[in-house]
Amino acid sequence: MPDDNWCLSGSEFWIEYKKSEANVLSHNLSPHQIGWIERRLRAGGRVFVAVRLQWGSGPRRGAAMDALLLYHGREARALALGGLSGAGKPLGRWEGGPARWDWPEIEALLVKTKFQG
């Protein structure tokens, strides 16, 4: 089961949280997690994968990064196999850390995203 279950404005959905310091997820999605997500999507459920892309500044990395990328659950397998570059375009991206992320926009996206497996 994903990390979180929400119900906002009459919409129920699940979110799996992951972290990344580069293209690859720090803790990859397991085959069990991918299977659960795909079964839930086939049954008409709503699942998202939220990835926090975060690193400190440095000579090789440049400026510090703290961004949230939100993916439709159908990207879970692609995220596991190919990392961020292997997945399709995220549904949204917010930068600057949690204090600067547009939480009303994120909530609206979670509630209004149309799901068809």
PDB file of N, CA and C in Angstrom:
ATOM      1  N   MET A   1       0.843  -1.188   0.000  1.00  0.00           N
ATOM      2  CA  MET A   1       0.000   0.000   0.000  1.00  0.00           C
ATOM      3  C   MET A   1       0.883   1.244   0.000  1.00  0.00           C
ATOM      4  N   PRO A   2       0.466   2.276  -0.719  1.00  0.00           N
ATOM      5  CA  PRO A   2       1.226   3.529  -0.712  1.00  0.00           C
ATOM      6  C   PRO A   2       1.269   4.167   0.676  1.00  0.00           C
ATOM      7  N   ASP A   3       2.087   5.193   0.777  1.00  0.00           N
ATOM      8  CA  ASP A   3       2.344   5.839   2.061  1.00  0.00           C
ATOM      9  C   ASP A   3       1.144   6.566   2.658  1.00  0.00           C
ATOM     10  N   ASP A   4       0.284   7.103   1.832  1.00  0.00           N
ATOM     11  CA  ASP A   4      -0.784   7.958   2.345  1.00  0.00           C
ATOM     12  C   ASP A   4      -2.078   7.776   1.566  1.00  0.00           C
ATOM     13  N   ASN A   5      -3.182   7.888   2.279  1.00  0.00           N
ATOM     14  CA  ASN A   5      -4.516   7.848   1.684  1.00  0.00           C
ATOM     15  C   ASN A   5      -5.210   9.149   2.056  1.00  0.00           C
ATOM     16  N   TRP A   6      -5.751   9.832   1.070  1.00  0.00           N
ATOM     17  CA  TRP A   6      -6.401  11.125   1.284  1.00  0.00           C
ATOM     18  C   TRP A   6      -7.820  11.115   0.749  1.00  0.00           C
ATOM     19  N   CYS A   7      -8.642  11.976   1.302  1.00  0.00           N
ATOM     20  CA  CYS A   7      -9.962  12.262   0.751  1.00  0.00           C
ATOM     21  C   CYS A   7     -10.164  13.763   0.908  1.00  0.00           C
ATOM     22  N   LEU A   8     -10.153  14.471  -0.214  1.00  0.00           N
ATOM     23  CA  LEU A   8     -10.332  15.918  -0.229  1.00  0.00           C
ATOM     24  C   LEU A   8     -11.442  16.275  -1.208  1.00  0.00           C
ATOM     25  N   SER A   9     -12.339  17.105  -0.796  1.00  0.00           N
ATOM     26  CA  SER A   9     -13.413  17.583  -1.671  1.00  0.00           C
ATOM     27  C   SER A   9     -14.125  16.433  -2.381  1.00  0.00           C
ATOM     28  N   GLY A  10     -14.304  15.318  -1.684  1.00  0.00           N
ATOM     29  CA  GLY A  10     -15.026  14.182  -2.242  1.00  0.00           C
ATOM     30  C   GLY A  10     -14.206  13.279  -3.143  1.00  0.00           C
ATOM     31  N   SER A  11     -12.910  13.561  -3.291  1.00  0.00           N
ATOM     32  CA  SER A  11     -12.031  12.726  -4.114  1.00  0.00           C
ATOM     33  C   SER A  11     -11.077  11.957  -3.218  1.00  0.00           C
ATOM     34  N   GLU A  12     -11.061  10.624  -3.391  1.00  0.00           N
ATOM     35  CA  GLU A  12     -10.143   9.802  -2.620  1.00  0.00           C
ATOM     36  C   GLU A  12      -8.966   9.423  -3.510  1.00  0.00           C
ATOM     37  N   PHE A  13      -7.762   9.451  -2.944  1.00  0.00           N
ATOM     38  CA  PHE A  13      -6.583   9.074  -3.708  1.00  0.00           C
ATOM     39  C   PHE A  13      -5.482   8.619  -2.759  1.00  0.00           C
ATOM     40  N   TRP A  14      -4.504   7.937  -3.347  1.00  0.00           N
ATOM     41  CA  TRP A  14      -3.349   7.408  -2.621  1.00  0.00           C
ATOM     42  C   TRP A  14      -2.104   8.106  -3.145  1.00  0.00           C
ATOM     43  N   ILE A  15      -1.122   8.317  -2.252  1.00  0.00           N
ATOM     44  CA  ILE A  15       0.145   8.931  -2.657  1.00  0.00           C
ATOM     45  C   ILE A  15       1.305   8.086  -2.126  1.00  0.00           C
ATOM     46  N   GLU A  16       2.216   7.763  -3.016  1.00  0.00           N
ATOM     47  CA  GLU A  16       3.471   7.117  -2.643  1.00  0.00           C
ATOM     48  C   GLU A  16       4.541   8.200  -2.681  1.00  0.00           C
ATOM     49  N   TYR A  17       5.284   8.376  -1.569  1.00  0.00           N
ATOM     50  CA  TYR A  17       6.309   9.404  -1.471  1.00  0.00           C
ATOM     51  C   TYR A  17       7.684   8.804  -1.722  1.00  0.00           C
ATOM     52  N   LYS A  18       8.470   9.486  -2.540  1.00  0.00           N
ATOM     53  CA  LYS A  18       9.845   9.071  -2.813  1.00  0.00           C
ATOM     54  C   LYS A  18      10.747  10.297  -2.782  1.00  0.00           C
ATOM     55  N   LYS A  19      12.051  10.050  -2.649  1.00  0.00           N
ATOM     56  CA  LYS A  19      13.034  11.124  -2.639  1.00  0.00           C
ATOM     57  C   LYS A  19      14.094  10.817  -3.677  1.00  0.00           C
ATOM     58  N   SER A  20      14.658  11.865  -4.261  1.00  0.00           N
ATOM     59  CA  SER A  20      15.706  11.698  -5.248  1.00  0.00           C
ATOM     60  C   SER A  20      16.726  12.816  -5.096  1.00  0.00           C
ATOM     61  N   GLU A  21      17.996  12.469  -5.255  1.00  0.00           N
ATOM     62  CA  GLU A  21      19.054  13.472  -5.277  1.00  0.00           C
ATOM     63  C   GLU A  21      19.600  13.642  -6.688  1.00  0.00           C
ATOM     64  N   ALA A  22      19.068  12.911  -7.617  1.00  0.00           N
ATOM     65  CA  ALA A  22      19.478  12.972  -9.017  1.00  0.00           C
ATOM     66  C   ALA A  22      18.364  12.329  -9.837  1.00  0.00           C
ATOM     67  N   ASN A  23      18.732  11.630 -10.900  1.00  0.00           N
ATOM     68  CA  ASN A  23      17.744  10.975 -11.739  1.00  0.00           C
ATOM     69  C   ASN A  23      17.106   9.761 -11.060  1.00  0.00           C
ATOM     70  N   VAL A  24      17.883   9.044 -10.238  1.00  0.00           N
ATOM     71  CA  VAL A  24      17.426   7.792  -9.636  1.00  0.00           C
ATOM     72  C   VAL A  24      16.753   8.052  -8.291  1.00  0.00           C
ATOM     73  N   LEU A  25      15.676   7.332  -8.001  1.00  0.00           N
ATOM     74  CA  LEU A  25      15.001   7.461  -6.709  1.00  0.00           C
ATOM     75  C   LEU A  25      15.889   6.892  -5.615  1.00  0.00           C
ATOM     76  N   SER A  26      15.962   7.584  -4.477  1.00  0.00           N
ATOM     77  CA  SER A  26      16.801   7.137  -3.363  1.00  0.00           C
ATOM     78  C   SER A  26      16.355   5.766  -2.852  1.00  0.00           C
ATOM     79  N   HIS A  27      15.069   5.566  -2.729  1.00  0.00           N
ATOM     80  CA  HIS A  27      14.491   4.270  -2.365  1.00  0.00           C
ATOM     81  C   HIS A  27      13.502   3.930  -3.459  1.00  0.00           C
ATOM     82  N   ASN A  28      13.899   3.030  -4.324  1.00  0.00           N
ATOM     83  CA  ASN A  28      13.106   2.731  -5.502  1.00  0.00           C
ATOM     84  C   ASN A  28      11.764   2.096  -5.136  1.00  0.00           C
ATOM     85  N   LEU A  29      10.841   2.186  -6.048  1.00  0.00           N
ATOM     86  CA  LEU A  29       9.564   1.495  -5.901  1.00  0.00           C
ATOM     87  C   LEU A  29       9.815   0.000  -6.030  1.00  0.00           C
ATOM     88  N   SER A  30       9.302  -0.763  -5.102  1.00  0.00           N
ATOM     89  CA  SER A  30       9.481  -2.216  -5.141  1.00  0.00           C
ATOM     90  C   SER A  30       8.494  -2.834  -6.136  1.00  0.00           C
ATOM     91  N   PRO A  31       8.776  -4.046  -6.605  1.00  0.00           N
ATOM     92  CA  PRO A  31       7.816  -4.725  -7.473  1.00  0.00           C
ATOM     93  C   PRO A  31       6.437  -4.841  -6.803  1.00  0.00           C
ATOM     94  N   HIS A  32       6.416  -5.070  -5.495  1.00  0.00           N
ATOM     95  CA  HIS A  32       5.149  -5.155  -4.765  1.00  0.00           C
ATOM     96  C   HIS A  32       4.387  -3.821  -4.830  1.00  0.00           C
ATOM     97  N   GLN A  33       5.101  -2.702  -4.646  1.00  0.00           N
ATOM     98  CA  GLN A  33       4.454  -1.388  -4.705  1.00  0.00           C
ATOM     99  C   GLN A  33       3.920  -1.114  -6.106  1.00  0.00           C
ATOM    100  N   ILE A  34       4.708  -1.423  -7.113  1.00  0.00           N
ATOM    101  CA  ILE A  34       4.273  -1.206  -8.500  1.00  0.00           C
ATOM    102  C   ILE A  34       3.038  -2.046  -8.793  1.00  0.00           C
ATOM    103  N   GLY A  35       3.045  -3.310  -8.377  1.00  0.00           N
ATOM    104  CA  GLY A  35       1.884  -4.177  -8.596  1.00  0.00           C
ATOM    105  C   GLY A  35       0.642  -3.635  -7.916  1.00  0.00           C
ATOM    106  N   TRP A  36       0.774  -3.172  -6.662  1.00  0.00           N
ATOM    107  CA  TRP A  36      -0.374  -2.615  -5.936  1.00  0.00           C
ATOM    108  C   TRP A  36      -0.914  -1.399  -6.664  1.00  0.00           C
ATOM    109  N   ILE A  37      -0.027  -0.499  -7.086  1.00  0.00           N
ATOM    110  CA  ILE A  37      -0.452   0.716  -7.792  1.00  0.00           C
ATOM    111  C   ILE A  37      -1.170   0.355  -9.082  1.00  0.00           C
ATOM    112  N   GLU A  38      -0.606  -0.546  -9.861  1.00  0.00           N
ATOM    113  CA  GLU A  38      -1.216  -0.907 -11.141  1.00  0.00           C
ATOM    114  C   GLU A  38      -2.566  -1.596 -10.956  1.00  0.00           C
ATOM    115  N   ARG A  39      -2.685  -2.466  -9.945  1.00  0.00           N
ATOM    116  CA  ARG A  39      -3.982  -3.098  -9.674  1.00  0.00           C
ATOM    117  C   ARG A  39      -5.013  -2.052  -9.244  1.00  0.00           C
ATOM    118  N   ARG A  40      -4.616  -1.117  -8.424  1.00  0.00           N
ATOM    119  CA  ARG A  40      -5.538  -0.068  -7.959  1.00  0.00           C
ATOM    120  C   ARG A  40      -5.999   0.787  -9.132  1.00  0.00           C
ATOM    121  N   LEU A  41      -5.088   1.128 -10.028  1.00  0.00           N
ATOM    122  CA  LEU A  41      -5.457   1.923 -11.204  1.00  0.00           C
ATOM    123  C   LEU A  41      -6.437   1.161 -12.093  1.00  0.00           C
ATOM    124  N   ARG A  42      -6.184  -0.137 -12.313  1.00  0.00           N
ATOM    125  CA  ARG A  42      -7.094  -0.940 -13.152  1.00  0.00           C
ATOM    126  C   ARG A  42      -8.486  -1.018 -12.539  1.00  0.00           C
ATOM    127  N   ALA A  43      -8.569  -0.963 -11.208  1.00  0.00           N
ATOM    128  CA  ALA A  43      -9.861  -1.025 -10.519  1.00  0.00           C
ATOM    129  C   ALA A  43     -10.538   0.349 -10.443  1.00  0.00           C
ATOM    130  N   GLY A  44      -9.903   1.364 -11.031  1.00  0.00           N
ATOM    131  CA  GLY A  44     -10.502   2.699 -11.040  1.00  0.00           C
ATOM    132  C   GLY A  44     -10.016   3.600  -9.921  1.00  0.00           C
ATOM    133  N   GLY A  45      -9.020   3.142  -9.158  1.00  0.00           N
ATOM    134  CA  GLY A  45      -8.482   3.965  -8.082  1.00  0.00           C
ATOM    135  C   GLY A  45      -7.598   5.082  -8.602  1.00  0.00           C
ATOM    136  N   ARG A  46      -7.284   5.999  -7.713  1.00  0.00           N
ATOM    137  CA  ARG A  46      -6.470   7.161  -8.047  1.00  0.00           C
ATOM    138  C   ARG A  46      -5.190   7.089  -7.212  1.00  0.00           C
ATOM    139  N   VAL A  47      -4.030   7.030  -7.895  1.00  0.00           N
ATOM    140  CA  VAL A  47      -2.748   6.905  -7.215  1.00  0.00           C
ATOM    141  C   VAL A  47      -1.763   7.890  -7.845  1.00  0.00           C
ATOM    142  N   PHE A  48      -1.005   8.549  -6.986  1.00  0.00           N
ATOM    143  CA  PHE A  48       0.041   9.471  -7.418  1.00  0.00           C
ATOM    144  C   PHE A  48       1.370   9.033  -6.810  1.00  0.00           C
ATOM    145  N   VAL A  49       2.458   9.416  -7.461  1.00  0.00           N
ATOM    146  CA  VAL A  49       3.792   9.253  -6.893  1.00  0.00           C
ATOM    147  C   VAL A  49       4.366  10.658  -6.760  1.00  0.00           C
ATOM    148  N   ALA A  50       4.668  11.063  -5.527  1.00  0.00           N
ATOM    149  CA  ALA A  50       5.245  12.374  -5.254  1.00  0.00           C
ATOM    150  C   ALA A  50       6.735  12.188  -4.994  1.00  0.00           C
ATOM    151  N   VAL A  51       7.561  12.874  -5.771  1.00  0.00           N
ATOM    152  CA  VAL A  51       9.011  12.748  -5.644  1.00  0.00           C
ATOM    153  C   VAL A  51       9.583  14.094  -5.204  1.00  0.00           C
ATOM    154  N   ARG A  52      10.327  14.062  -4.093  1.00  0.00           N
ATOM    155  CA  ARG A  52      11.027  15.262  -3.656  1.00  0.00           C
ATOM    156  C   ARG A  52      12.450  15.200  -4.204  1.00  0.00           C
ATOM    157  N   LEU A  53      12.757  16.131  -5.091  1.00  0.00           N
ATOM    158  CA  LEU A  53      14.067  16.225  -5.717  1.00  0.00           C
ATOM    159  C   LEU A  53      14.857  17.259  -4.918  1.00  0.00           C
ATOM    160  N   GLN A  54      15.880  16.785  -4.191  1.00  0.00           N
ATOM    161  CA  GLN A  54      16.545  17.671  -3.242  1.00  0.00           C
ATOM    162  C   GLN A  54      18.043  17.388  -3.169  1.00  0.00           C
ATOM    163  N   TRP A  55      18.838  18.464  -3.232  1.00  0.00           N
ATOM    164  CA  TRP A  55      20.265  18.373  -2.995  1.00  0.00           C
ATOM    165  C   TRP A  55      20.806  19.729  -2.577  1.00  0.00           C
ATOM    166  N   GLY A  56      21.936  19.691  -1.899  1.00  0.00           N
ATOM    167  CA  GLY A  56      22.608  20.914  -1.494  1.00  0.00           C
ATOM    168  C   GLY A  56      23.471  21.454  -2.622  1.00  0.00           C
ATOM    169  N   SER A  57      23.887  22.693  -2.514  1.00  0.00           N
ATOM    170  CA  SER A  57      24.720  23.301  -3.547  1.00  0.00           C
ATOM    171  C   SER A  57      26.142  22.755  -3.461  1.00  0.00           C
ATOM    172  N   GLY A  58      26.852  22.870  -4.554  1.00  0.00           N
ATOM    173  CA  GLY A  58      28.234  22.410  -4.594  1.00  0.00           C
ATOM    174  C   GLY A  58      28.851  22.700  -5.941  1.00  0.00           C
ATOM    175  N   PRO A  59      30.163  22.529  -6.054  1.00  0.00           N
ATOM    176  CA  PRO A  59      30.836  22.858  -7.311  1.00  0.00           C
ATOM    177  C   PRO A  59      30.366  22.020  -8.501  1.00  0.00           C
ATOM    178  N   ARG A  60      30.005  20.781  -8.270  1.00  0.00           N
ATOM    179  CA  ARG A  60      29.533  19.933  -9.370  1.00  0.00           C
ATOM    180  C   ARG A  60      28.036  20.042  -9.589  1.00  0.00           C
ATOM    181  N   ARG A  61      27.296  20.326  -8.533  1.00  0.00           N
ATOM    182  CA  ARG A  61      25.832  20.344  -8.627  1.00  0.00           C
ATOM    183  C   ARG A  61      25.270  21.725  -8.912  1.00  0.00           C
ATOM    184  N   GLY A  62      26.035  22.748  -8.648  1.00  0.00           N
ATOM    185  CA  GLY A  62      25.519  24.104  -8.836  1.00  0.00           C
ATOM    186  C   GLY A  62      24.642  24.489  -7.661  1.00  0.00           C
ATOM    187  N   ALA A  63      23.582  25.208  -7.952  1.00  0.00           N
ATOM    188  CA  ALA A  63      22.681  25.710  -6.909  1.00  0.00           C
ATOM    189  C   ALA A  63      21.923  24.568  -6.233  1.00  0.00           C
ATOM    190  N   ALA A  64      21.545  24.813  -4.997  1.00  0.00           N
ATOM    191  CA  ALA A  64      20.735  23.842  -4.255  1.00  0.00           C
ATOM    192  C   ALA A  64      19.377  23.661  -4.936  1.00  0.00           C
ATOM    193  N   MET A  65      18.784  22.493  -4.736  1.00  0.00           N
ATOM    194  CA  MET A  65      17.486  22.165  -5.344  1.00  0.00           C
ATOM    195  C   MET A  65      16.582  21.575  -4.275  1.00  0.00           C
ATOM    196  N   ASP A  66      15.334  22.004  -4.267  1.00  0.00           N
ATOM    197  CA  ASP A  66      14.319  21.390  -3.407  1.00  0.00           C
ATOM    198  C   ASP A  66      12.984  21.532  -4.125  1.00  0.00           C
ATOM    199  N   ALA A  67      12.640  20.523  -4.897  1.00  0.00           N
ATOM    200  CA  ALA A  67      11.446  20.567  -5.735  1.00  0.00           C
ATOM    201  C   ALA A  67      10.549  19.363  -5.463  1.00  0.00           C
ATOM    202  N   LEU A  68       9.275  19.544  -5.706  1.00  0.00           N
ATOM    203  CA  LEU A  68       8.288  18.469  -5.640  1.00  0.00           C
ATOM    204  C   LEU A  68       7.813  18.177  -7.051  1.00  0.00           C
ATOM    205  N   LEU A  69       7.883  16.905  -7.444  1.00  0.00           N
ATOM    206  CA  LEU A  69       7.375  16.463  -8.735  1.00  0.00           C
ATOM    207  C   LEU A  69       6.246  15.487  -8.461  1.00  0.00           C
ATOM    208  N   LEU A  70       5.113  15.707  -9.083  1.00  0.00           N
ATOM    209  CA  LEU A  70       3.951  14.850  -8.867  1.00  0.00           C
ATOM    210  C   LEU A  70       3.644  14.090 -10.151  1.00  0.00           C
ATOM    211  N   TYR A  71       3.639  12.752 -10.044  1.00  0.00           N
ATOM    212  CA  TYR A  71       3.397  11.877 -11.190  1.00  0.00           C
ATOM    213  C   TYR A  71       2.098  11.111 -11.024  1.00  0.00           C
ATOM    214  N   HIS A  72       1.447  10.838 -12.132  1.00  0.00           N
ATOM    215  CA  HIS A  72       0.302   9.926 -12.174  1.00  0.00           C
ATOM    216  C   HIS A  72       0.838   8.539 -11.818  1.00  0.00           C
ATOM    217  N   GLY A  73       0.054   7.733 -11.142  1.00  0.00           N
ATOM    218  CA  GLY A  73       0.479   6.399 -10.748  1.00  0.00           C
ATOM    219  C   GLY A  73       0.902   5.511 -11.896  1.00  0.00           C
ATOM    220  N   ARG A  74       0.394   5.757 -13.097  1.00  0.00           N
ATOM    221  CA  ARG A  74       0.780   4.918 -14.240  1.00  0.00           C
ATOM    222  C   ARG A  74       2.266   5.069 -14.578  1.00  0.00           C
ATOM    223  N   GLU A  75       2.944   6.071 -14.005  1.00  0.00           N
ATOM    224  CA  GLU A  75       4.375   6.269 -14.240  1.00  0.00           C
ATOM    225  C   GLU A  75       5.239   5.497 -13.241  1.00  0.00           C
ATOM    226  N   ALA A  76       4.623   4.761 -12.302  1.00  0.00           N
ATOM    227  CA  ALA A  76       5.375   4.073 -11.249  1.00  0.00           C
ATOM    228  C   ALA A  76       6.418   3.117 -11.819  1.00  0.00           C
ATOM    229  N   ARG A  77       6.034   2.284 -12.759  1.00  0.00           N
ATOM    230  CA  ARG A  77       6.975   1.308 -13.328  1.00  0.00           C
ATOM    231  C   ARG A  77       8.118   2.024 -14.058  1.00  0.00           C
ATOM    232  N   ALA A  78       7.800   3.067 -14.813  1.00  0.00           N
ATOM    233  CA  ALA A  78       8.831   3.822 -15.539  1.00  0.00           C
ATOM    234  C   ALA A  78       9.784   4.518 -14.567  1.00  0.00           C
ATOM    235  N   LEU A  79       9.251   5.049 -13.468  1.00  0.00           N
ATOM    236  CA  LEU A  79      10.108   5.662 -12.447  1.00  0.00           C
ATOM    237  C   LEU A  79      11.061   4.635 -11.843  1.00  0.00           C
ATOM    238  N   ALA A  80      10.558   3.441 -11.592  1.00  0.00           N
ATOM    239  CA  ALA A  80      11.392   2.389 -11.003  1.00  0.00           C
ATOM    240  C   ALA A  80      12.469   1.921 -11.978  1.00  0.00           C
ATOM    241  N   LEU A  81      12.137   1.804 -13.236  1.00  0.00           N
ATOM    242  CA  LEU A  81      13.078   1.271 -14.223  1.00  0.00           C
ATOM    243  C   LEU A  81      14.055   2.307 -14.751  1.00  0.00           C
ATOM    244  N   GLY A  82      13.583   3.537 -14.960  1.00  0.00           N
ATOM    245  CA  GLY A  82      14.430   4.542 -15.607  1.00  0.00           C
ATOM    246  C   GLY A  82      14.621   5.826 -14.833  1.00  0.00           C
ATOM    247  N   GLY A  83      14.140   5.855 -13.595  1.00  0.00           N
ATOM    248  CA  GLY A  83      14.277   7.077 -12.809  1.00  0.00           C
ATOM    249  C   GLY A  83      13.445   8.215 -13.376  1.00  0.00           C
ATOM    250  N   LEU A  84      13.793   9.427 -12.995  1.00  0.00           N
ATOM    251  CA  LEU A  84      13.014  10.588 -13.430  1.00  0.00           C
ATOM    252  C   LEU A  84      13.050  10.765 -14.944  1.00  0.00           C
ATOM    253  N   SER A  85      14.184  10.444 -15.568  1.00  0.00           N
ATOM    254  CA  SER A  85      14.264  10.603 -17.025  1.00  0.00           C
ATOM    255  C   SER A  85      13.515   9.500 -17.762  1.00  0.00           C
ATOM    256  N   GLY A  86      13.205   8.390 -17.095  1.00  0.00           N
ATOM    257  CA  GLY A  86      12.474   7.300 -17.728  1.00  0.00           C
ATOM    258  C   GLY A  86      10.974   7.478 -17.683  1.00  0.00           C
ATOM    259  N   ALA A  87      10.511   8.324 -16.800  1.00  0.00           N
ATOM    260  CA  ALA A  87       9.068   8.554 -16.649  1.00  0.00           C
ATOM    261  C   ALA A  87       8.596   9.652 -17.595  1.00  0.00           C
ATOM    262  N   GLY A  88       7.308   9.675 -17.809  1.00  0.00           N
ATOM    263  CA  GLY A  88       6.724  10.747 -18.597  1.00  0.00           C
ATOM    264  C   GLY A  88       6.779  12.068 -17.839  1.00  0.00           C
ATOM    265  N   LYS A  89       6.225  13.072 -18.437  1.00  0.00           N
ATOM    266  CA  LYS A  89       6.213  14.402 -17.828  1.00  0.00           C
ATOM    267  C   LYS A  89       5.395  14.376 -16.537  1.00  0.00           C
ATOM    268  N   PRO A  90       5.926  14.985 -15.465  1.00  0.00           N
ATOM    269  CA  PRO A  90       5.134  15.021 -14.228  1.00  0.00           C
ATOM    270  C   PRO A  90       3.873  15.867 -14.420  1.00  0.00           C
ATOM    271  N   LEU A  91       2.877  15.590 -13.611  1.00  0.00           N
ATOM    272  CA  LEU A  91       1.648  16.387 -13.645  1.00  0.00           C
ATOM    273  C   LEU A  91       1.915  17.819 -13.202  1.00  0.00           C
ATOM    274  N   GLY A  92       2.915  17.978 -12.331  1.00  0.00           N
ATOM    275  CA  GLY A  92       3.282  19.300 -11.856  1.00  0.00           C
ATOM    276  C   GLY A  92       4.649  19.276 -11.213  1.00  0.00           C
ATOM    277  N   ARG A  93       5.242  20.472 -11.133  1.00  0.00           N
ATOM    278  CA  ARG A  93       6.561  20.631 -10.501  1.00  0.00           C
ATOM    279  C   ARG A  93       6.563  21.959  -9.756  1.00  0.00           C
ATOM    280  N   TRP A  94       7.000  21.899  -8.504  1.00  0.00           N
ATOM    281  CA  TRP A  94       7.060  23.093  -7.664  1.00  0.00           C
ATOM    282  C   TRP A  94       8.441  23.170  -7.059  1.00  0.00           C
ATOM    283  N   GLU A  95       9.048  24.356  -7.072  1.00  0.00           N
ATOM    284  CA  GLU A  95      10.419  24.525  -6.605  1.00  0.00           C
ATOM    285  C   GLU A  95      10.497  25.446  -5.396  1.00  0.00           C
ATOM    286  N   GLY A  96      11.629  25.401  -4.708  1.00  0.00           N
ATOM    287  CA  GLY A  96      11.892  26.317  -3.607  1.00  0.00           C
ATOM    288  C   GLY A  96      11.646  25.751  -2.229  1.00  0.00           C
ATOM    289  N   GLY A  97      11.290  24.486  -2.101  1.00  0.00           N
ATOM    290  CA  GLY A  97      11.031  23.881  -0.799  1.00  0.00           C
ATOM    291  C   GLY A  97       9.587  24.021  -0.379  1.00  0.00           C
ATOM    292  N   PRO A  98       9.177  23.240   0.612  1.00  0.00           N
ATOM    293  CA  PRO A  98       7.763  23.191   1.022  1.00  0.00           C
ATOM    294  C   PRO A  98       7.141  24.550   1.343  1.00  0.00           C
ATOM    295  N   ALA A  99       7.896  25.462   1.908  1.00  0.00           N
ATOM    296  CA  ALA A  99       7.334  26.775   2.239  1.00  0.00           C
ATOM    297  C   ALA A  99       6.977  27.579   0.994  1.00  0.00           C
ATOM    298  N   ARG A 100       7.576  27.249  -0.143  1.00  0.00           N
ATOM    299  CA  ARG A 100       7.329  27.996  -1.384  1.00  0.00           C
ATOM    300  C   ARG A 100       6.481  27.223  -2.389  1.00  0.00           C
ATOM    301  N   TRP A 101       6.214  25.955  -2.122  1.00  0.00           N
ATOM    302  CA  TRP A 101       5.387  25.183  -3.044  1.00  0.00           C
ATOM    303  C   TRP A 101       3.957  25.707  -2.978  1.00  0.00           C
ATOM    304  N   ASP A 102       3.273  25.706  -4.088  1.00  0.00           N
ATOM    305  CA  ASP A 102       1.901  26.228  -4.179  1.00  0.00           C
ATOM    306  C   ASP A 102       0.915  25.133  -3.741  1.00  0.00           C
ATOM    307  N   TRP A 103       0.680  25.060  -2.425  1.00  0.00           N
ATOM    308  CA  TRP A 103      -0.158  23.986  -1.877  1.00  0.00           C
ATOM    309  C   TRP A 103      -1.592  24.018  -2.384  1.00  0.00           C
ATOM    310  N   PRO A 104      -2.239  25.190  -2.551  1.00  0.00           N
ATOM    311  CA  PRO A 104      -3.590  25.174  -3.138  1.00  0.00           C
ATOM    312  C   PRO A 104      -3.602  24.601  -4.560  1.00  0.00           C
ATOM    313  N   GLU A 105      -2.570  24.907  -5.345  1.00  0.00           N
ATOM    314  CA  GLU A 105      -2.481  24.354  -6.698  1.00  0.00           C
ATOM    315  C   GLU A 105      -2.279  22.842  -6.651  1.00  0.00           C
ATOM    316  N   ILE A 106      -1.427  22.372  -5.735  1.00  0.00           N
ATOM    317  CA  ILE A 106      -1.182  20.936  -5.590  1.00  0.00           C
ATOM    318  C   ILE A 106      -2.471  20.224  -5.191  1.00  0.00           C
ATOM    319  N   GLU A 107      -3.194  20.782  -4.214  1.00  0.00           N
ATOM    320  CA  GLU A 107      -4.464  20.183  -3.791  1.00  0.00           C
ATOM    321  C   GLU A 107      -5.448  20.119  -4.948  1.00  0.00           C
ATOM    322  N   ALA A 108      -5.570  21.208  -5.701  1.00  0.00           N
ATOM    323  CA  ALA A 108      -6.496  21.224  -6.842  1.00  0.00           C
ATOM    324  C   ALA A 108      -6.119  20.162  -7.861  1.00  0.00           C
ATOM    325  N   LEU A 109      -4.830  19.985  -8.106  1.00  0.00           N
ATOM    326  CA  LEU A 109      -4.378  18.974  -9.057  1.00  0.00           C
ATOM    327  C   LEU A 109      -4.710  17.567  -8.565  1.00  0.00           C
ATOM    328  N   LEU A 110      -4.496  17.314  -7.280  1.00  0.00           N
ATOM    329  CA  LEU A 110      -4.812  16.008  -6.709  1.00  0.00           C
ATOM    330  C   LEU A 110      -6.300  15.691  -6.801  1.00  0.00           C
ATOM    331  N   VAL A 111      -7.123  16.675  -6.601  1.00  0.00           N
ATOM    332  CA  VAL A 111      -8.581  16.477  -6.583  1.00  0.00           C
ATOM    333  C   VAL A 111      -9.146  16.394  -7.997  1.00  0.00           C
ATOM    334  N   LYS A 112      -8.611  17.189  -8.921  1.00  0.00           N
ATOM    335  CA  LYS A 112      -9.224  17.317 -10.255  1.00  0.00           C
ATOM    336  C   LYS A 112      -8.636  16.450 -11.330  1.00  0.00           C
ATOM    337  N   THR A 113      -7.503  15.804 -11.099  1.00  0.00           N
ATOM    338  CA  THR A 113      -6.886  14.993 -12.145  1.00  0.00           C
ATOM    339  C   THR A 113      -7.818  13.859 -12.552  1.00  0.00           C
ATOM    340  N   LYS A 114      -8.058  13.757 -13.838  1.00  0.00           N
ATOM    341  CA  LYS A 114      -8.900  12.682 -14.372  1.00  0.00           C
ATOM    342  C   LYS A 114      -8.092  11.400 -14.441  1.00  0.00           C
ATOM    343  N   PHE A 115      -8.687  10.315 -13.999  1.00  0.00           N
ATOM    344  CA  PHE A 115      -7.988   9.033 -13.977  1.00  0.00           C
ATOM    345  C   PHE A 115      -8.699   8.047 -14.877  1.00  0.00           C
ATOM    346  N   GLN A 116      -7.920   7.417 -15.728  1.00  0.00           N
ATOM    347  CA  GLN A 116      -8.414   6.322 -16.556  1.00  0.00           C
ATOM    348  C   GLN A 116      -7.318   5.283 -16.666  1.00  0.00           C
ATOM    349  N   GLY A 117      -6.948   4.727 -15.484  1.00  0.00           N
ATOM    350  CA  GLY A 117      -5.922   3.694 -15.441  1.00  0.00           C
ATOM    351  C   GLY A 117      -4.664   4.115 -16.020  1.00  0.00           C
TER     352      GLY A 117
END
